[in-house]
C-alpha atoms as a PDB file:
ATOM      1  CA  MET A   1       0.030  -0.031  -0.041  1.00  0.00           C
ATOM      2  CA  ALA A   2       1.336   3.367  -0.771  1.00  0.00           C
ATOM      3  CA  ASP A   3       2.495   5.792   2.000  1.00  0.00           C
ATOM      4  CA  PRO A   4       0.394   8.941   1.623  1.00  0.00           C
ATOM      5  CA  THR A   5       3.159  10.872   3.132  1.00  0.00           C
ATOM      6  CA  ASN A   6       4.813  13.122   0.531  1.00  0.00           C
ATOM      7  CA  HIS A   7       8.424  13.446   0.431  1.00  0.00           C
ATOM      8  CA  ASN A   8      10.522  16.108  -1.286  1.00  0.00           C
ATOM      9  CA  GLN A   9      13.684  15.501  -3.084  1.00  0.00           C
ATOM     10  CA  ALA A  10      15.734  16.180   0.140  1.00  0.00           C
ATOM     11  CA  GLY A  11      14.028  13.378   1.845  1.00  0.00           C
ATOM     12  CA  GLU A  12      11.969  15.646   4.250  1.00  0.00           C
ATOM     13  CA  VAL A  13       8.466  15.017   4.861  1.00  0.00           C
ATOM     14  CA  ALA A  14       6.298  17.642   2.957  1.00  0.00           C
ATOM     15  CA  PRO A  15       3.313  19.092   4.678  1.00  0.00           C
ATOM     16  CA  SER A  16       0.015  17.887   3.409  1.00  0.00           C
ATOM     17  CA  THR A  17      -2.466  20.119   1.727  1.00  0.00           C
ATOM     18  CA  VAL A  18      -4.508  20.357   4.874  1.00  0.00           C
ATOM     19  CA  ASP A  19      -1.493  21.424   6.910  1.00  0.00           C
ATOM     20  CA  LYS A  20      -0.801  23.979   4.221  1.00  0.00           C
ATOM     21  CA  GLN A  21      -4.228  25.555   4.557  1.00  0.00           C
ATOM     22  CA  ALA A  22      -4.599  25.313   8.370  1.00  0.00           C
ATOM     23  CA  PRO A  23      -2.337  28.215   9.334  1.00  0.00           C
ATOM     24  CA  SER A  24      -3.978  30.515   6.900  1.00  0.00           C
ATOM     25  CA  VAL A  25      -7.381  29.775   8.144  1.00  0.00           C
ATOM     26  CA  ALA A  26      -6.476  30.246  11.743  1.00  0.00           C
ATOM     27  CA  GLU A  27      -4.736  33.493  11.108  1.00  0.00           C
ATOM     28  CA  GLU A  28      -7.888  34.899   9.421  1.00  0.00           C
ATOM     29  CA  HIS A  29     -10.001  34.144  12.475  1.00  0.00           C
ATOM     30  CA  ALA A  30      -7.521  35.015  15.172  1.00  0.00           C
ATOM     31  CA  PRO A  31      -7.963  38.411  16.976  1.00  0.00           C
ATOM     32  CA  SER A  32      -5.759  41.116  15.876  1.00  0.00           C
ATOM     33  CA  THR A  33      -3.134  42.295  18.131  1.00  0.00           C
ATOM     34  CA  ASP A  34      -3.231  45.729  16.750  1.00  0.00           C
ATOM     35  CA  SER A  35      -6.887  46.531  18.336  1.00  0.00           C
ATOM     36  CA  PRO A  36      -7.901  46.257  21.989  1.00  0.00           C
ATOM     37  CA  GLU A  37     -10.115  43.420  22.824  1.00  0.00           C
ATOM     38  CA  ALA A  38     -13.397  44.223  24.744  1.00  0.00           C
ATOM     39  CA  THR A  39     -13.837  42.334  27.970  1.00  0.00           C
ATOM     40  CA  ASP A  40     -16.540  42.307  30.639  1.00  0.00           C
ATOM     41  CA  LEU A  41     -13.939  42.971  33.475  1.00  0.00           C
ATOM     42  CA  PRO A  42     -14.327  46.369  34.948  1.00  0.00           C
ATOM     43  CA  THR A  43     -11.353  48.696  34.932  1.00  0.00           C
ATOM     44  CA  ALA A  44     -10.343  51.850  36.767  1.00  0.00           C
ATOM     45  CA  ASN A  45     -10.881  53.844  33.652  1.00  0.00           C
ATOM     46  CA  THR A  46     -14.276  52.667  32.982  1.00  0.00           C
ATOM     47  CA  PRO A  47     -16.792  55.686  33.355  1.00  0.00           C
ATOM     48  CA  ASP A  48     -19.781  55.471  35.620  1.00  0.00           C
ATOM     49  CA  PRO A  49     -22.890  54.941  33.478  1.00  0.00           C
ATOM     50  CA  LYS A  50     -24.890  57.287  35.719  1.00  0.00           C
ATOM     51  CA  ALA A  51     -22.202  60.006  35.513  1.00  0.00           C
ATOM     52  CA  ALA A  52     -21.573  59.486  31.780  1.00  0.00           C
ATOM     53  CA  ASN A  53     -24.123  62.214  30.725  1.00  0.00           C
ATOM     54  CA  PRO A  54     -25.028  64.783  33.547  1.00  0.00           C
ATOM     55  CA  GLU A  55     -27.478  66.428  31.298  1.00  0.00           C
ATOM     56  CA  ASP A  56     -29.546  63.188  31.435  1.00  0.00           C
ATOM     57  CA  ASN A  57     -29.711  63.330  35.166  1.00  0.00           C
ATOM     58  CA  LEU A  58     -30.637  66.913  34.986  1.00  0.00           C
ATOM     59  CA  ASN A  59     -33.564  66.257  32.712  1.00  0.00           C
ATOM     60  CA  ALA A  60     -34.754  63.405  34.951  1.00  0.00           C
ATOM     61  CA  ALA A  61     -34.998  65.855  37.931  1.00  0.00           C
ATOM     62  CA  LYS A  62     -36.887  68.446  36.007  1.00  0.00           C
ATOM     63  CA  PRO A  63     -40.323  66.816  36.074  1.00  0.00           C
ATOM     64  CA  ALA A  64     -40.103  66.556  39.769  1.00  0.00           C
ATOM     65  CA  ALA A  65     -39.305  70.286  40.023  1.00  0.00           C
ATOM     66  CA  ALA A  66     -42.242  71.124  37.650  1.00  0.00           C
ATOM     67  CA  SER A  67     -44.604  69.028  39.581  1.00  0.00           C
ATOM     68  CA  SER A  68     -43.641  70.899  42.822  1.00  0.00           C
ATOM     69  CA  LYS A  69     -44.209  74.248  40.994  1.00  0.00           C
ATOM     70  CA  ARG A  70     -47.667  73.066  39.969  1.00  0.00           C
ATOM     71  CA  GLU A  71     -48.635  72.278  43.498  1.00  0.00           C
ATOM     72  CA  LYS A  72     -47.787  75.763  44.826  1.00  0.00           C
ATOM     73  CA  PRO A  73     -50.541  77.622  43.054  1.00  0.00           C
ATOM     74  CA  ALA A  74     -53.147  75.257  44.726  1.00  0.00           C
ATOM     75  CA  ALA A  75     -51.465  75.763  48.200  1.00  0.00           C
ATOM     76  CA  ALA A  76     -51.727  79.667  47.540  1.00  0.00           C
ATOM     77  CA  ALA A  77     -55.252  79.502  46.356  1.00  0.00           C
ATOM     78  CA  ALA A  78     -56.134  77.735  49.584  1.00  0.00           C
ATOM     79  CA  THR A  79     -54.397  80.502  51.700  1.00  0.00           C
ATOM     80  CA  GLU A  80     -56.227  83.190  49.707  1.00  0.00           C
ATOM     81  CA  GLU A  81     -59.557  81.536  50.491  1.00  0.00           C
ATOM     82  CA  LYS A  82     -59.066  82.110  54.197  1.00  0.00           C
ATOM     83  CA  PRO A  83     -59.007  85.790  54.209  1.00  0.00           C
ATOM     84  CA  ALA A  84     -61.960  85.844  51.822  1.00  0.00           C
ATOM     85  CA  ALA A  85     -63.955  83.755  54.236  1.00  0.00           C
ATOM     86  CA  ALA A  86     -62.983  86.021  57.126  1.00  0.00           C
ATOM     87  CA  LYS A  87     -64.281  89.045  55.185  1.00  0.00           C
ATOM     88  CA  ALA A  88     -67.471  87.224  54.280  1.00  0.00           C
ATOM     89  CA  ALA A  89     -68.015  86.410  58.028  1.00  0.00           C
ATOM     90  CA  LYS A  90     -67.468  90.158  58.890  1.00  0.00           C
ATOM     91  CA  LYS A  91     -69.988  91.274  56.239  1.00  0.00           C
ATOM     92  CA  GLU A  92     -72.546  88.885  57.856  1.00  0.00           C
ATOM     93  CA  LYS A  93     -72.365  90.737  61.219  1.00  0.00           C
ATOM     94  CA  ALA A  94     -75.345  92.598  62.349  1.00  0.00           C
ATOM     95  CA  PRO A  95     -75.099  96.444  61.807  1.00  0.00           C
ATOM     96  CA  ALA A  96     -74.414  98.712  64.732  1.00  0.00           C
ATOM     97  CA  VAL A  97     -77.272 100.407  66.155  1.00  0.00           C
ATOM     98  CA  GLU A  98     -75.802 103.745  65.200  1.00  0.00           C
ATOM     99  CA  ASP A  99     -76.241 102.709  61.595  1.00  0.00           C
ATOM    100  CA  LYS A 100     -80.063 102.462  61.958  1.00  0.00           C
ATOM    101  CA  PRO A 101     -82.047 105.336  60.419  1.00  0.00           C
ATOM    102  CA  PHE A 102     -82.087 108.351  62.500  1.00  0.00           C
ATOM    103  CA  VAL A 103     -85.660 108.276  63.975  1.00  0.00           C
ATOM    104  CA  GLU A 104     -85.471 104.548  64.495  1.00  0.00           C
ATOM    105  CA  PHE A 105     -82.355 104.831  66.399  1.00  0.00           C
ATOM    106  CA  ILE A 106     -83.571 107.687  68.661  1.00  0.00           C
ATOM    107  CA  GLU A 107     -86.910 106.019  69.480  1.00  0.00           C
ATOM    108  CA  GLN A 108     -85.699 102.386  69.891  1.00  0.00           C
ATOM    109  CA  ASP A 109     -82.237 102.817  71.356  1.00  0.00           C
ATOM    110  CA  TYR A 110     -81.458 106.315  72.616  1.00  0.00           C
ATOM    111  CA  LEU A 111     -84.433 107.210  74.641  1.00  0.00           C
ATOM    112  CA  PRO A 112     -84.761 104.110  76.629  1.00  0.00           C
ATOM    113  CA  ALA A 113     -81.034 104.247  77.416  1.00  0.00           C
ATOM    114  CA  LEU A 114     -81.222 107.895  78.360  1.00  0.00           C
ATOM    115  CA  GLN A 115     -84.102 107.343  80.788  1.00  0.00           C
ATOM    116  CA  LYS A 116     -82.267 104.417  82.431  1.00  0.00           C
ATOM    117  CA  ALA A 117     -79.083 106.525  82.803  1.00  0.00           C
ATOM    118  CA  ILE A 118     -80.917 109.504  84.388  1.00  0.00           C
ATOM    119  CA  ALA A 119     -82.853 107.367  86.563  1.00  0.00           C
ATOM    120  CA  GLN A 120     -79.781 105.805  87.880  1.00  0.00           C
ATOM    121  CA  GLN A 121     -78.716 109.437  88.995  1.00  0.00           C
ATOM    122  CA  GLY A 122     -81.806 109.627  91.250  1.00  0.00           C
ATOM    123  CA  VAL A 123     -84.363 111.205  88.998  1.00  0.00           C
ATOM    124  CA  GLN A 124     -87.528 109.055  88.892  1.00  0.00           C
ATOM    125  CA  ASP A 125     -90.023 111.474  87.275  1.00  0.00           C
ATOM    126  CA  LEU A 126     -88.417 112.154  84.118  1.00  0.00           C
ATOM    127  CA  GLN A 127     -90.593 112.567  81.038  1.00  0.00           C
ATOM    128  CA  VAL A 128     -89.016 112.419  77.620  1.00  0.00           C
ATOM    129  CA  SER A 129     -90.525 113.047  74.190  1.00  0.00           C
ATOM    130  CA  PHE A 130     -89.245 113.224  70.611  1.00  0.00           C
ATOM    131  CA  ALA A 131     -90.671 115.607  68.137  1.00  0.00           C
ATOM    132  CA  LYS A 132     -89.873 117.865  65.188  1.00  0.00           C
ATOM    133  CA  GLN A 133     -90.802 121.273  65.939  1.00  0.00           C
ATOM    134  CA  LYS A 134     -89.638 124.978  66.135  1.00  0.00           C
ATOM    135  CA  LEU A 135     -86.719 126.083  68.246  1.00  0.00           C
ATOM    136  CA  ARG A 136     -88.256 127.846  71.452  1.00  0.00           C
ATOM    137  CA  ILE A 137     -85.013 129.954  71.754  1.00  0.00           C
ATOM    138  CA  THR A 138     -84.825 133.755  71.718  1.00  0.00           C
ATOM    139  CA  GLY A 139     -83.390 134.683  68.204  1.00  0.00           C
ATOM    140  CA  PHE A 140     -84.144 131.341  66.500  1.00  0.00           C
ATOM    141  CA  GLU A 141     -87.883 131.968  66.072  1.00  0.00           C
ATOM    142  CA  SER A 142     -87.598 132.029  62.287  1.00  0.00           C
ATOM    143  CA  ALA A 143     -85.447 128.829  62.085  1.00  0.00           C
ATOM    144  CA  GLU A 144     -86.854 125.781  60.412  1.00  0.00           C
ATOM    145  CA  GLU A 145     -88.174 122.924  62.463  1.00  0.00           C
ATOM    146  CA  CYS A 146     -85.834 120.281  63.613  1.00  0.00           C
ATOM    147  CA  TRP A 147     -85.985 117.086  65.530  1.00  0.00           C
ATOM    148  CA  GLN A 148     -85.647 117.503  69.229  1.00  0.00           C
ATOM    149  CA  ILE A 149     -85.583 115.418  72.300  1.00  0.00           C
ATOM    150  CA  ILE A 150     -87.463 117.221  75.062  1.00  0.00           C
ATOM    151  CA  GLY A 151     -87.032 116.084  78.697  1.00  0.00           C
ATOM    152  CA  SER A 152     -88.587 117.415  81.864  1.00  0.00           C
ATOM    153  CA  TRP A 153     -89.210 116.516  85.541  1.00  0.00           C
ATOM    154  CA  LYS A 154     -90.108 118.059  88.997  1.00  0.00           C
ATOM    155  CA  GLU A 155     -93.668 117.165  88.228  1.00  0.00           C
ATOM    156  CA  THR A 156     -94.677 120.594  87.079  1.00  0.00           C
ATOM    157  CA  GLY A 157     -91.984 120.564  84.337  1.00  0.00           C
ATOM    158  CA  VAL A 158     -89.956 123.371  86.014  1.00  0.00           C
ATOM    159  CA  ARG A 159     -86.668 121.811  84.722  1.00  0.00           C
ATOM    160  CA  GLN A 160     -86.583 121.226  80.949  1.00  0.00           C
ATOM    161  CA  PHE A 161     -83.817 120.525  78.528  1.00  0.00           C
ATOM    162  CA  ASN A 162     -83.796 120.229  74.752  1.00  0.00           C
ATOM    163  CA  LEU A 163     -81.346 118.322  72.639  1.00  0.00           C
ATOM    164  CA  TYR A 164     -81.383 119.335  68.930  1.00  0.00           C
ATOM    165  CA  PHE A 165     -80.483 117.469  65.736  1.00  0.00           C
ATOM    166  CA  PRO A 166     -80.851 119.908  62.779  1.00  0.00           C
ATOM    167  CA  ASP A 167     -79.167 117.629  60.228  1.00  0.00           C
ATOM    168  CA  GLU A 168     -81.367 114.511  61.310  1.00  0.00           C
ATOM    169  CA  ASP A 169     -78.018 112.742  61.804  1.00  0.00           C
ATOM    170  CA  ILE A 170     -76.472 111.833  65.117  1.00  0.00           C
ATOM    171  CA  GLN A 171     -73.034 112.339  63.369  1.00  0.00           C
ATOM    172  CA  GLY A 172     -74.039 115.837  62.265  1.00  0.00           C
ATOM    173  CA  LYS A 173     -74.570 119.133  64.111  1.00  0.00           C
ATOM    174  CA  LYS A 174     -76.061 118.948  67.590  1.00  0.00           C
ATOM    175  CA  GLY A 175     -77.436 121.613  70.047  1.00  0.00           C
ATOM    176  CA  PHE A 176     -78.499 121.885  73.572  1.00  0.00           C
ATOM    177  CA  SER A 177     -80.696 124.237  75.698  1.00  0.00           C
ATOM    178  CA  CYS A 178     -82.124 124.113  79.154  1.00  0.00           C
ATOM    179  CA  ASN A 179     -84.309 126.336  81.356  1.00  0.00           C
ATOM    180  CA  GLU A 180     -86.130 126.349  84.669  1.00  0.00           C
ATOM    181  CA  GLY A 181     -89.574 127.854  84.044  1.00  0.00           C
ATOM    182  CA  LYS A 182     -88.408 130.401  81.461  1.00  0.00           C
ATOM    183  CA  LYS A 183     -87.895 130.448  77.756  1.00  0.00           C
ATOM    184  CA  PRO A 184     -84.283 129.356  77.053  1.00  0.00           C
ATOM    185  CA  SER A 185     -82.075 132.089  75.670  1.00  0.00           C
ATOM    186  CA  THR A 186     -78.814 130.191  74.806  1.00  0.00           C
ATOM    187  CA  LEU A 187     -78.245 127.599  72.233  1.00  0.00           C
ATOM    188  CA  GLU A 188     -75.096 125.544  72.978  1.00  0.00           C
ATOM    189  CA  SER A 189     -73.098 123.224  70.627  1.00  0.00           C
ATOM    190  CA  PHE A 190     -73.243 119.619  71.723  1.00  0.00           C
ATOM    191  CA  LEU A 191     -70.406 117.004  71.373  1.00  0.00           C
ATOM    192  CA  ILE A 192     -68.764 118.919  68.623  1.00  0.00           C
ATOM    193  CA  ASP A 193     -65.154 117.608  69.408  1.00  0.00           C
ATOM    194  CA  GLU A 194     -65.960 113.995  69.028  1.00  0.00           C
ATOM    195  CA  ARG A 195     -65.019 112.323  65.673  1.00  0.00           C
ATOM    196  CA  LYS A 196     -67.630 109.507  65.948  1.00  0.00           C
ATOM    197  CA  ILE A 197     -70.784 109.469  67.889  1.00  0.00           C
ATOM    198  CA  THR A 198     -71.953 106.206  69.576  1.00  0.00           C
ATOM    199  CA  LEU A 199     -74.924 105.432  71.579  1.00  0.00           C
ATOM    200  CA  ASP A 200     -73.003 105.277  74.800  1.00  0.00           C
ATOM    201  CA  LEU A 201     -71.251 108.571  74.065  1.00  0.00           C
ATOM    202  CA  LEU A 202     -74.499 110.384  73.168  1.00  0.00           C
ATOM    203  CA  VAL A 203     -76.011 109.128  76.614  1.00  0.00           C
ATOM    204  CA  PHE A 204     -72.979 110.004  78.598  1.00  0.00           C
ATOM    205  CA  GLY A 205     -72.625 113.387  77.073  1.00  0.00           C
ATOM    206  CA  LEU A 206     -76.120 114.488  78.005  1.00  0.00           C
ATOM    207  CA  VAL A 207     -75.965 113.043  81.505  1.00  0.00           C
ATOM    208  CA  GLN A 208     -72.820 114.815  82.013  1.00  0.00           C
ATOM    209  CA  ARG A 209     -74.161 118.054  80.744  1.00  0.00           C
ATOM    210  CA  LEU A 210     -77.235 117.844  83.180  1.00  0.00           C
ATOM    211  CA  ASP A 211     -74.925 117.041  86.011  1.00  0.00           C
ATOM    212  CA  GLY A 212     -72.913 120.058  85.255  1.00  0.00           C
ATOM    213  CA  GLN A 213     -76.188 122.022  85.497  1.00  0.00           C
ATOM    214  CA  LYS A 214     -76.624 120.421  89.046  1.00  0.00           C
ATOM    215  CA  TRP A 215     -79.952 118.800  88.040  1.00  0.00           C
ATOM    216  CA  LEU A 216     -79.000 115.276  89.018  1.00  0.00           C
ATOM    217  CA  GLY A 217     -78.460 113.313  92.163  1.00  0.00           C
ATOM    218  CA  ILE A 218     -78.754 115.421  95.254  1.00  0.00           C
ATOM    219  CA  ASN A 219     -78.379 118.724  93.369  1.00  0.00           C
END
């Protein structure tokens, strides 16, 4: 049987056809030494994927910040509702007695309060009326009628006082006169220095004036 091994003229064994082709095939598929080979092993020079692109991290935080900004207007609206509710509650409060129409205030509030205050000063026979009439003061006979509070006591009406409201307004001009059995000759200004007249102030002012006349208490 013939030996398949080829011999050259020098007696050396010649490589077979397969052996001749093997190196070239291996060389074609072998990795090149000129380019780096990628591996799965981490190295000190490998960048952190999270820090690779800071802009991506910044963009990821933006939706959260935007959501926070959207919530702030809702909280501000809730805060604004509280003052509005407080204002509405104030508007619902009953108006002060001084805000009533003039005649209604005098008849319903002032006269009862005045009678009570004067009674507490020891005067038990006080008679008070409220009318619109001429001034019975010397020199004012031609003046127009105006609303007046007329008070008297001592049974026979010897002592009498008048409180005048020419403007039909407790915040407007006011006058006072008093007499003991004679026609009054002097018209005085009343509570002209007060910026705002209240029920209590109007009562106190008249009681104080009558006390100054020595008509109250043991006077």
